[in-house]
Amino acid sequence: MPEGHTIHRLARDHRPLLVGREVRATSPQGRFATGAEMLDGRRVEAVEPYGKHLFYVFEGDVLLHVHLGLYGSWVAASLPAPEPKGALRLRLTTDDHWLDLRGPTACELHTPDDRDRVLARLGPDPLRKGADPDLAWQRISRSRMAIGALLMDQSVLAGVGNVYRAEVLYRAGLSPFRPGREVPERIWDGMWEDLRVLLRAGVRAGHIVTTEREDRDRRSGPARRGDRFYVYRRHGEPCRRCGTEVRTQEMVARNLFWCPVCQPA
């Protein structure tokens, strides 16, 4: 599932293509035909990301809410647009670009009140200016749930998924099984700042890199694909820092990865 950096990067890329422009909207698949008809001919006023959610604000207080989920994707390019094929949920067209949305979990029209209700269910987004880490800390510090599960709860923290969960816990030297209420506040403060740095880097690069240069197999140049992570999807491989075998087990329906030495229980 795309994590927060992907959603914010999409918003960054879509703004110059859409904001201030009238769009043609169609649903070649037909599943969003009524919604596309409502959007057709309207001007886009803003593109707002929050966590794993995207809101496209159209004139007249009409919002398009998109959550990509596991299989959703946006593709954009200059005109002419190709012939629609397959399960194409929504196509937006301007005078010079087309944007295709396929396979989202959510593609629906919202009012501003609908958007506010979605946002009220979410924790702070580390990529949002002015986001308050204390809102997440209040939930974490009172919970008996494992910190590895809390980080995946979008009502605690918005935008963090399985990759950032595993990697920020490793970088903090924190066991994913420690209850939230046993996590020192200074550790949480460091994790929040680390997430801000890592997520911003992900927006810039378009992919996740969490390793420091000295911990990579190749220490010069950009990180190669095999050098990008400390523990994520490295089950059975040696820890980059201590050599211990990286372990995995399921936590909140996703595979968790950690080093039992660098992240002691």
C-alpha atoms as a PDB file:
ATOM      1  CA  MET A   1       0.000   0.000   0.000  1.00  0.00           C
ATOM      2  CA  PRO A   2       1.397   3.453  -0.846  1.00  0.00           C
ATOM      3  CA  GLU A   3       2.672   5.231   2.245  1.00  0.00           C
ATOM      4  CA  GLY A   4       2.480   8.918   3.066  1.00  0.00           C
ATOM      5  CA  HIS A   5       5.449  10.005   0.973  1.00  0.00           C
ATOM      6  CA  THR A   6       3.784   8.617  -2.186  1.00  0.00           C
ATOM      7  CA  ILE A   7       0.536  10.479  -1.515  1.00  0.00           C
ATOM      8  CA  HIS A   8       2.286  13.789  -0.861  1.00  0.00           C
ATOM      9  CA  ARG A   9       4.420  13.317  -3.971  1.00  0.00           C
ATOM     10  CA  LEU A  10       1.294  12.698  -6.059  1.00  0.00           C
ATOM     11  CA  ALA A  11      -0.258  15.883  -4.685  1.00  0.00           C
ATOM     12  CA  ARG A  12       2.908  17.804  -5.502  1.00  0.00           C
ATOM     13  CA  ASP A  13       2.933  16.445  -9.067  1.00  0.00           C
ATOM     14  CA  HIS A  14      -0.794  16.918  -9.689  1.00  0.00           C
ATOM     15  CA  ARG A  15      -1.072  20.530  -8.536  1.00  0.00           C
ATOM     16  CA  PRO A  16       0.603  22.118 -11.591  1.00  0.00           C
ATOM     17  CA  LEU A  17      -1.442  19.858 -13.898  1.00  0.00           C
ATOM     18  CA  LEU A  18      -4.835  20.570 -12.324  1.00  0.00           C
ATOM     19  CA  VAL A  19      -5.062  23.560 -10.018  1.00  0.00           C
ATOM     20  CA  GLY A  20      -6.715  26.558 -11.678  1.00  0.00           C
ATOM     21  CA  ARG A  21      -7.857  24.477 -14.661  1.00  0.00           C
ATOM     22  CA  GLU A  22     -11.228  23.185 -15.786  1.00  0.00           C
ATOM     23  CA  VAL A  23     -11.219  19.438 -16.315  1.00  0.00           C
ATOM     24  CA  ARG A  24     -13.157  16.933 -18.329  1.00  0.00           C
ATOM     25  CA  ALA A  25     -14.050  13.956 -16.160  1.00  0.00           C
ATOM     26  CA  THR A  26     -15.174  10.544 -17.378  1.00  0.00           C
ATOM     27  CA  SER A  27     -15.454   7.053 -15.888  1.00  0.00           C
ATOM     28  CA  PRO A  28     -14.704   4.631 -18.737  1.00  0.00           C
ATOM     29  CA  GLN A  29     -15.311   1.706 -16.388  1.00  0.00           C
ATOM     30  CA  GLY A  30     -18.673   3.167 -15.402  1.00  0.00           C
ATOM     31  CA  ARG A  31     -18.334   2.652 -11.645  1.00  0.00           C
ATOM     32  CA  PHE A  32     -17.874   6.380 -11.011  1.00  0.00           C
ATOM     33  CA  ALA A  33     -20.060   7.689 -13.834  1.00  0.00           C
ATOM     34  CA  THR A  34     -22.324   9.825 -11.639  1.00  0.00           C
ATOM     35  CA  GLY A  35     -19.383  11.319  -9.770  1.00  0.00           C
ATOM     36  CA  ALA A  36     -17.488  12.036 -12.990  1.00  0.00           C
ATOM     37  CA  GLU A  37     -20.543  13.822 -14.358  1.00  0.00           C
ATOM     38  CA  MET A  38     -20.562  16.059 -11.260  1.00  0.00           C
ATOM     39  CA  LEU A  39     -16.874  16.931 -11.728  1.00  0.00           C
ATOM     40  CA  ASP A  40     -16.976  17.431 -15.477  1.00  0.00           C
ATOM     41  CA  GLY A  41     -16.356  21.054 -16.460  1.00  0.00           C
ATOM     42  CA  ARG A  42     -15.416  22.219 -12.961  1.00  0.00           C
ATOM     43  CA  ARG A  43     -12.226  24.048 -12.059  1.00  0.00           C
ATOM     44  CA  VAL A  44      -9.813  22.429  -9.600  1.00  0.00           C
ATOM     45  CA  GLU A  45      -8.973  24.745  -6.702  1.00  0.00           C
ATOM     46  CA  ALA A  46      -6.579  22.636  -4.610  1.00  0.00           C
ATOM     47  CA  VAL A  47      -5.037  19.201  -4.127  1.00  0.00           C
ATOM     48  CA  GLU A  48      -4.701  18.314  -0.444  1.00  0.00           C
ATOM     49  CA  PRO A  49      -2.890  15.208   0.877  1.00  0.00           C
ATOM     50  CA  TYR A  50      -3.321  13.891   4.400  1.00  0.00           C
ATOM     51  CA  GLY A  51      -1.752  10.603   5.438  1.00  0.00           C
ATOM     52  CA  LYS A  52      -2.852   8.074   2.827  1.00  0.00           C
ATOM     53  CA  HIS A  53      -5.779  10.221   1.605  1.00  0.00           C
ATOM     54  CA  LEU A  54      -5.993  12.650  -1.318  1.00  0.00           C
ATOM     55  CA  PHE A  55      -8.619  15.381  -1.645  1.00  0.00           C
ATOM     56  CA  TYR A  56      -9.111  17.184  -4.948  1.00  0.00           C
ATOM     57  CA  VAL A  57     -11.050  20.379  -4.235  1.00  0.00           C
ATOM     58  CA  PHE A  58     -13.295  21.556  -7.074  1.00  0.00           C
ATOM     59  CA  GLU A  59     -15.202  24.813  -7.359  1.00  0.00           C
ATOM     60  CA  GLY A  60     -18.575  24.764  -5.687  1.00  0.00           C
ATOM     61  CA  ASP A  61     -17.301  22.950  -2.561  1.00  0.00           C
ATOM     62  CA  VAL A  62     -17.194  19.612  -4.360  1.00  0.00           C
ATOM     63  CA  LEU A  63     -14.347  17.313  -3.317  1.00  0.00           C
ATOM     64  CA  LEU A  64     -13.005  14.149  -4.860  1.00  0.00           C
ATOM     65  CA  HIS A  65     -11.711  11.819  -2.136  1.00  0.00           C
ATOM     66  CA  VAL A  66      -9.215   9.170  -3.239  1.00  0.00           C
ATOM     67  CA  HIS A  67      -7.626   6.416  -1.162  1.00  0.00           C
ATOM     68  CA  LEU A  68      -5.429   4.190  -3.297  1.00  0.00           C
ATOM     69  CA  GLY A  69      -5.425   1.196  -0.960  1.00  0.00           C
ATOM     70  CA  LEU A  70      -3.391  -1.841  -1.995  1.00  0.00           C
ATOM     71  CA  TYR A  71      -3.966  -1.725  -5.729  1.00  0.00           C
ATOM     72  CA  GLY A  72      -4.808   1.845  -6.692  1.00  0.00           C
ATOM     73  CA  SER A  73      -2.604   4.005  -8.909  1.00  0.00           C
ATOM     74  CA  TRP A  74      -2.535   7.319 -10.731  1.00  0.00           C
ATOM     75  CA  VAL A  75      -0.854   7.734 -14.115  1.00  0.00           C
ATOM     76  CA  ALA A  76      -0.464  11.122 -15.814  1.00  0.00           C
ATOM     77  CA  ALA A  77       1.037  12.295 -19.097  1.00  0.00           C
ATOM     78  CA  SER A  78       0.718  14.864 -21.863  1.00  0.00           C
ATOM     79  CA  LEU A  79      -2.050  14.650 -24.447  1.00  0.00           C
ATOM     80  CA  PRO A  80      -3.064  12.833 -26.552  1.00  0.00           C
ATOM     81  CA  ALA A  81      -4.472  10.297 -24.114  1.00  0.00           C
ATOM     82  CA  PRO A  82      -4.467   6.609 -25.018  1.00  0.00           C
ATOM     83  CA  GLU A  83      -7.710   4.756 -25.616  1.00  0.00           C
ATOM     84  CA  PRO A  84      -9.242   3.744 -22.265  1.00  0.00           C
ATOM     85  CA  LYS A  85      -8.646   0.087 -21.441  1.00  0.00           C
ATOM     86  CA  GLY A  86      -9.599  -2.212 -18.593  1.00  0.00           C
ATOM     87  CA  ALA A  87     -10.892  -1.096 -15.204  1.00  0.00           C
ATOM     88  CA  LEU A  88     -10.265   2.628 -15.577  1.00  0.00           C
ATOM     89  CA  ARG A  89     -12.225   4.236 -12.729  1.00  0.00           C
ATOM     90  CA  LEU A  90     -11.647   7.906 -13.578  1.00  0.00           C
ATOM     91  CA  ARG A  91      -9.961   9.962 -16.280  1.00  0.00           C
ATOM     92  CA  LEU A  92      -9.351  13.681 -15.793  1.00  0.00           C
ATOM     93  CA  THR A  93      -8.348  15.691 -18.868  1.00  0.00           C
ATOM     94  CA  THR A  94      -7.152  19.285 -19.167  1.00  0.00           C
ATOM     95  CA  ASP A  95      -6.066  21.209 -22.263  1.00  0.00           C
ATOM     96  CA  ASP A  96      -2.685  19.494 -22.247  1.00  0.00           C
ATOM     97  CA  HIS A  97      -2.640  16.528 -19.817  1.00  0.00           C
ATOM     98  CA  TRP A  98      -4.576  13.424 -18.856  1.00  0.00           C
ATOM     99  CA  LEU A  99      -4.662  11.648 -15.478  1.00  0.00           C
ATOM    100  CA  ASP A 100      -5.970   8.094 -15.058  1.00  0.00           C
ATOM    101  CA  LEU A 101      -7.027   6.517 -11.767  1.00  0.00           C
ATOM    102  CA  ARG A 102      -7.236   2.731 -11.504  1.00  0.00           C
ATOM    103  CA  GLY A 103      -8.116   0.339  -8.707  1.00  0.00           C
ATOM    104  CA  PRO A 104      -8.554   2.697  -5.735  1.00  0.00           C
ATOM    105  CA  THR A 105     -10.122   1.588  -2.480  1.00  0.00           C
ATOM    106  CA  ALA A 106     -12.039   4.869  -2.402  1.00  0.00           C
ATOM    107  CA  CYS A 107     -13.050   7.204  -5.226  1.00  0.00           C
ATOM    108  CA  GLU A 108     -15.991   9.245  -4.032  1.00  0.00           C
ATOM    109  CA  LEU A 109     -17.455  12.727  -3.890  1.00  0.00           C
ATOM    110  CA  HIS A 110     -17.294  14.547  -0.573  1.00  0.00           C
ATOM    111  CA  THR A 111     -18.511  17.781   0.912  1.00  0.00           C
ATOM    112  CA  PRO A 112     -16.200  19.795   3.180  1.00  0.00           C
ATOM    113  CA  ASP A 113     -18.035  18.264   6.155  1.00  0.00           C
ATOM    114  CA  ASP A 114     -17.361  14.763   4.807  1.00  0.00           C
ATOM    115  CA  ARG A 115     -13.665  15.605   4.535  1.00  0.00           C
ATOM    116  CA  ASP A 116     -13.612  16.946   8.086  1.00  0.00           C
ATOM    117  CA  ARG A 117     -15.115  13.696   9.354  1.00  0.00           C
ATOM    118  CA  VAL A 118     -12.388  11.684   7.598  1.00  0.00           C
ATOM    119  CA  LEU A 119      -9.647  13.905   9.022  1.00  0.00           C
ATOM    120  CA  ALA A 120     -11.143  13.711  12.521  1.00  0.00           C
ATOM    121  CA  ARG A 121     -10.506   9.950  12.481  1.00  0.00           C
ATOM    122  CA  LEU A 122      -6.815  10.353  11.642  1.00  0.00           C
ATOM    123  CA  GLY A 123      -3.767  11.018  13.753  1.00  0.00           C
ATOM    124  CA  PRO A 124      -1.201  13.695  12.877  1.00  0.00           C
ATOM    125  CA  ASP A 125       0.574  13.451   9.516  1.00  0.00           C
ATOM    126  CA  PRO A 126       4.339  14.046   9.938  1.00  0.00           C
ATOM    127  CA  LEU A 127       4.464  15.582   6.454  1.00  0.00           C
ATOM    128  CA  ARG A 128       1.871  18.249   7.223  1.00  0.00           C
ATOM    129  CA  LYS A 129       3.084  21.650   8.305  1.00  0.00           C
ATOM    130  CA  GLY A 130       2.122  22.293  11.905  1.00  0.00           C
ATOM    131  CA  ALA A 131       1.293  18.648  12.671  1.00  0.00           C
ATOM    132  CA  ASP A 132       1.303  18.067  16.436  1.00  0.00           C
ATOM    133  CA  PRO A 133       3.244  14.956  17.550  1.00  0.00           C
ATOM    134  CA  ASP A 134       1.714  15.243  21.019  1.00  0.00           C
ATOM    135  CA  LEU A 135      -1.650  14.126  19.612  1.00  0.00           C
ATOM    136  CA  ALA A 136      -0.050  10.795  18.712  1.00  0.00           C
ATOM    137  CA  TRP A 137       1.928  10.653  21.953  1.00  0.00           C
ATOM    138  CA  GLN A 138      -1.258  10.978  24.028  1.00  0.00           C
ATOM    139  CA  ARG A 139      -2.563   7.781  22.417  1.00  0.00           C
ATOM    140  CA  ILE A 140       0.745   5.924  22.519  1.00  0.00           C
ATOM    141  CA  SER A 141       1.626   6.761  26.116  1.00  0.00           C
ATOM    142  CA  ARG A 142      -1.690   5.389  27.424  1.00  0.00           C
ATOM    143  CA  SER A 143      -1.799   2.207  25.376  1.00  0.00           C
ATOM    144  CA  ARG A 144      -0.883  -1.356  26.300  1.00  0.00           C
ATOM    145  CA  MET A 145      -0.725  -2.197  22.595  1.00  0.00           C
ATOM    146  CA  ALA A 146       2.676  -2.901  21.059  1.00  0.00           C
ATOM    147  CA  ILE A 147       4.321   0.140  19.507  1.00  0.00           C
ATOM    148  CA  GLY A 148       4.700  -1.816  16.261  1.00  0.00           C
ATOM    149  CA  ALA A 149       0.910  -2.074  16.054  1.00  0.00           C
ATOM    150  CA  LEU A 150       0.277   1.510  17.146  1.00  0.00           C
ATOM    151  CA  LEU A 151       2.447   2.889  14.357  1.00  0.00           C
ATOM    152  CA  MET A 152       0.206   1.142  11.812  1.00  0.00           C
ATOM    153  CA  ASP A 153      -2.974   2.604  13.323  1.00  0.00           C
ATOM    154  CA  GLN A 154      -3.939   5.582  11.154  1.00  0.00           C
ATOM    155  CA  SER A 155      -5.965   7.037  14.017  1.00  0.00           C
ATOM    156  CA  VAL A 156      -2.698   7.319  15.957  1.00  0.00           C
ATOM    157  CA  LEU A 157      -0.369   8.407  13.163  1.00  0.00           C
ATOM    158  CA  ALA A 158      -1.375   9.128   9.565  1.00  0.00           C
ATOM    159  CA  GLY A 159       0.703   8.070   6.575  1.00  0.00           C
ATOM    160  CA  VAL A 160       3.024   5.518   8.176  1.00  0.00           C
ATOM    161  CA  GLY A 161       2.850   2.033   6.671  1.00  0.00           C
ATOM    162  CA  ASN A 162       4.717  -1.225   6.957  1.00  0.00           C
ATOM    163  CA  VAL A 163       8.059  -0.026   5.579  1.00  0.00           C
ATOM    164  CA  TYR A 164       8.372   3.083   7.717  1.00  0.00           C
ATOM    165  CA  ARG A 165       7.066   1.151  10.736  1.00  0.00           C
ATOM    166  CA  ALA A 166       9.879  -1.389  10.575  1.00  0.00           C
ATOM    167  CA  GLU A 167      12.600   1.061   9.648  1.00  0.00           C
ATOM    168  CA  VAL A 168      11.911   3.842  12.139  1.00  0.00           C
ATOM    169  CA  LEU A 169      11.717   1.316  14.989  1.00  0.00           C
ATOM    170  CA  TYR A 170      15.074  -0.109  13.958  1.00  0.00           C
ATOM    171  CA  ARG A 171      16.652   3.329  13.713  1.00  0.00           C
ATOM    172  CA  ALA A 172      15.318   4.127  17.192  1.00  0.00           C
ATOM    173  CA  GLY A 173      16.659   0.847  18.617  1.00  0.00           C
ATOM    174  CA  LEU A 174      13.166   0.091  19.890  1.00  0.00           C
ATOM    175  CA  SER A 175      11.551  -3.334  20.102  1.00  0.00           C
ATOM    176  CA  PRO A 176       8.317  -3.427  18.084  1.00  0.00           C
ATOM    177  CA  PHE A 177       6.770  -5.477  20.904  1.00  0.00           C
ATOM    178  CA  ARG A 178       7.213  -2.877  23.643  1.00  0.00           C
ATOM    179  CA  PRO A 179       3.843  -1.543  24.860  1.00  0.00           C
ATOM    180  CA  GLY A 180       3.214   2.046  23.892  1.00  0.00           C
ATOM    181  CA  ARG A 181       2.964   3.165  27.502  1.00  0.00           C
ATOM    182  CA  GLU A 182       6.507   1.856  28.134  1.00  0.00           C
ATOM    183  CA  VAL A 183       8.063   3.902  25.323  1.00  0.00           C
ATOM    184  CA  PRO A 184      10.031   6.857  26.782  1.00  0.00           C
ATOM    185  CA  GLU A 185       8.794  10.220  25.557  1.00  0.00           C
ATOM    186  CA  ARG A 186      12.280  11.206  24.400  1.00  0.00           C
ATOM    187  CA  ILE A 187      12.334   8.103  22.171  1.00  0.00           C
ATOM    188  CA  TRP A 188       8.991   9.054  20.670  1.00  0.00           C
ATOM    189  CA  ASP A 189      10.191  12.630  20.067  1.00  0.00           C
ATOM    190  CA  GLY A 190      13.203  11.250  18.211  1.00  0.00           C
ATOM    191  CA  MET A 191      11.040   8.877  16.160  1.00  0.00           C
ATOM    192  CA  TRP A 192       8.704  11.697  15.136  1.00  0.00           C
ATOM    193  CA  GLU A 193      11.595  13.857  13.919  1.00  0.00           C
ATOM    194  CA  ASP A 194      13.131  10.856  12.171  1.00  0.00           C
ATOM    195  CA  LEU A 195       9.848  10.123  10.399  1.00  0.00           C
ATOM    196  CA  ARG A 196       9.651  13.720   9.213  1.00  0.00           C
ATOM    197  CA  VAL A 197      13.136  13.478   7.736  1.00  0.00           C
ATOM    198  CA  LEU A 198      12.575  10.048   6.131  1.00  0.00           C
ATOM    199  CA  LEU A 199       9.156  10.906   4.706  1.00  0.00           C
ATOM    200  CA  ARG A 200      10.384  14.183   3.223  1.00  0.00           C
ATOM    201  CA  ALA A 201      13.289  12.362   1.622  1.00  0.00           C
ATOM    202  CA  GLY A 202      10.798   9.860   0.208  1.00  0.00           C
ATOM    203  CA  VAL A 203       8.743  12.661  -1.347  1.00  0.00           C
ATOM    204  CA  ARG A 204      11.847  14.065  -3.033  1.00  0.00           C
ATOM    205  CA  ALA A 205      13.216  10.740  -4.260  1.00  0.00           C
ATOM    206  CA  GLY A 206       9.976   8.953  -5.050  1.00  0.00           C
ATOM    207  CA  HIS A 207      11.077   5.896  -3.057  1.00  0.00           C
ATOM    208  CA  ILE A 208      12.078   5.017   0.506  1.00  0.00           C
ATOM    209  CA  VAL A 209      15.692   4.991   1.674  1.00  0.00           C
ATOM    210  CA  THR A 210      16.333   4.626   5.417  1.00  0.00           C
ATOM    211  CA  THR A 211      19.949   3.453   5.606  1.00  0.00           C
ATOM    212  CA  GLU A 212      22.890   5.665   6.487  1.00  0.00           C
ATOM    213  CA  ARG A 213      25.732   5.623   3.977  1.00  0.00           C
ATOM    214  CA  GLU A 214      28.143   3.865   6.368  1.00  0.00           C
ATOM    215  CA  ASP A 215      25.708   0.938   6.759  1.00  0.00           C
ATOM    216  CA  ARG A 216      25.368   0.187   3.035  1.00  0.00           C
ATOM    217  CA  ASP A 217      27.290  -2.372   1.033  1.00  0.00           C
ATOM    218  CA  ARG A 218      28.215   0.394  -1.404  1.00  0.00           C
ATOM    219  CA  ARG A 219      29.057   3.570   0.479  1.00  0.00           C
ATOM    220  CA  SER A 220      29.398   5.974  -2.441  1.00  0.00           C
ATOM    221  CA  GLY A 221      26.704   7.211  -4.795  1.00  0.00           C
ATOM    222  CA  PRO A 222      22.948   6.795  -4.370  1.00  0.00           C
ATOM    223  CA  ALA A 223      21.616   3.812  -2.444  1.00  0.00           C
ATOM    224  CA  ARG A 224      21.051   0.770  -4.620  1.00  0.00           C
ATOM    225  CA  ARG A 225      17.771  -1.119  -4.264  1.00  0.00           C
ATOM    226  CA  GLY A 226      19.351  -3.769  -2.046  1.00  0.00           C
ATOM    227  CA  ASP A 227      20.879  -1.119   0.216  1.00  0.00           C
ATOM    228  CA  ARG A 228      17.757   0.942   0.965  1.00  0.00           C
ATOM    229  CA  PHE A 229      16.483  -0.766   4.124  1.00  0.00           C
ATOM    230  CA  TYR A 230      17.824  -1.967   7.456  1.00  0.00           C
ATOM    231  CA  VAL A 231      15.303  -4.731   8.176  1.00  0.00           C
ATOM    232  CA  TYR A 232      12.261  -4.469   5.896  1.00  0.00           C
ATOM    233  CA  ARG A 233      11.992  -7.634   3.775  1.00  0.00           C
ATOM    234  CA  ARG A 234      15.448  -8.753   4.970  1.00  0.00           C
ATOM    235  CA  HIS A 235      14.208 -11.798   6.905  1.00  0.00           C
ATOM    236  CA  GLY A 236      17.067 -14.263   7.415  1.00  0.00           C
ATOM    237  CA  GLU A 237      19.738 -11.813   6.267  1.00  0.00           C
ATOM    238  CA  PRO A 238      22.360 -10.403   8.654  1.00  0.00           C
ATOM    239  CA  CYS A 239      21.633  -7.127  10.412  1.00  0.00           C
ATOM    240  CA  ARG A 240      23.670  -4.355   8.799  1.00  0.00           C
ATOM    241  CA  ARG A 241      25.054  -3.257  12.159  1.00  0.00           C
ATOM    242  CA  CYS A 242      25.439  -6.343  14.355  1.00  0.00           C
ATOM    243  CA  GLY A 243      25.210  -9.300  11.957  1.00  0.00           C
ATOM    244  CA  THR A 244      22.321 -10.985  13.795  1.00  0.00           C
ATOM    245  CA  GLU A 245      19.710 -12.653  11.599  1.00  0.00           C
ATOM    246  CA  VAL A 246      16.768 -10.356  10.901  1.00  0.00           C
ATOM    247  CA  ARG A 247      13.505 -11.855  12.086  1.00  0.00           C
ATOM    248  CA  THR A 248       9.910 -11.575  10.956  1.00  0.00           C
ATOM    249  CA  GLN A 249       6.424 -12.369  12.207  1.00  0.00           C
ATOM    250  CA  GLU A 250       2.941 -11.095  11.490  1.00  0.00           C
ATOM    251  CA  MET A 251       1.654  -8.090  13.406  1.00  0.00           C
ATOM    252  CA  VAL A 252      -1.677  -6.401  12.558  1.00  0.00           C
ATOM    253  CA  ALA A 253      -1.977  -8.501   9.396  1.00  0.00           C
ATOM    254  CA  ARG A 254       1.353  -7.365   7.949  1.00  0.00           C
ATOM    255  CA  ASN A 255       4.818  -8.899   8.133  1.00  0.00           C
ATOM    256  CA  LEU A 256       6.958  -7.165  10.732  1.00  0.00           C
ATOM    257  CA  PHE A 257      10.771  -7.196  10.493  1.00  0.00           C
ATOM    258  CA  TRP A 258      13.242  -6.466  13.288  1.00  0.00           C
ATOM    259  CA  CYS A 259      16.696  -7.234  14.717  1.00  0.00           C
ATOM    260  CA  PRO A 260      16.478  -8.842  18.176  1.00  0.00           C
ATOM    261  CA  VAL A 261      19.882  -7.477  19.199  1.00  0.00           C
ATOM    262  CA  CYS A 262      19.657  -3.900  17.931  1.00  0.00           C
ATOM    263  CA  GLN A 263      16.025  -3.733  19.122  1.00  0.00           C
ATOM    264  CA  PRO A 264      16.170  -5.631  22.417  1.00  0.00           C
ATOM    265  CA  ALA A 265      12.992  -6.593  24.217  1.00  0.00           C
END
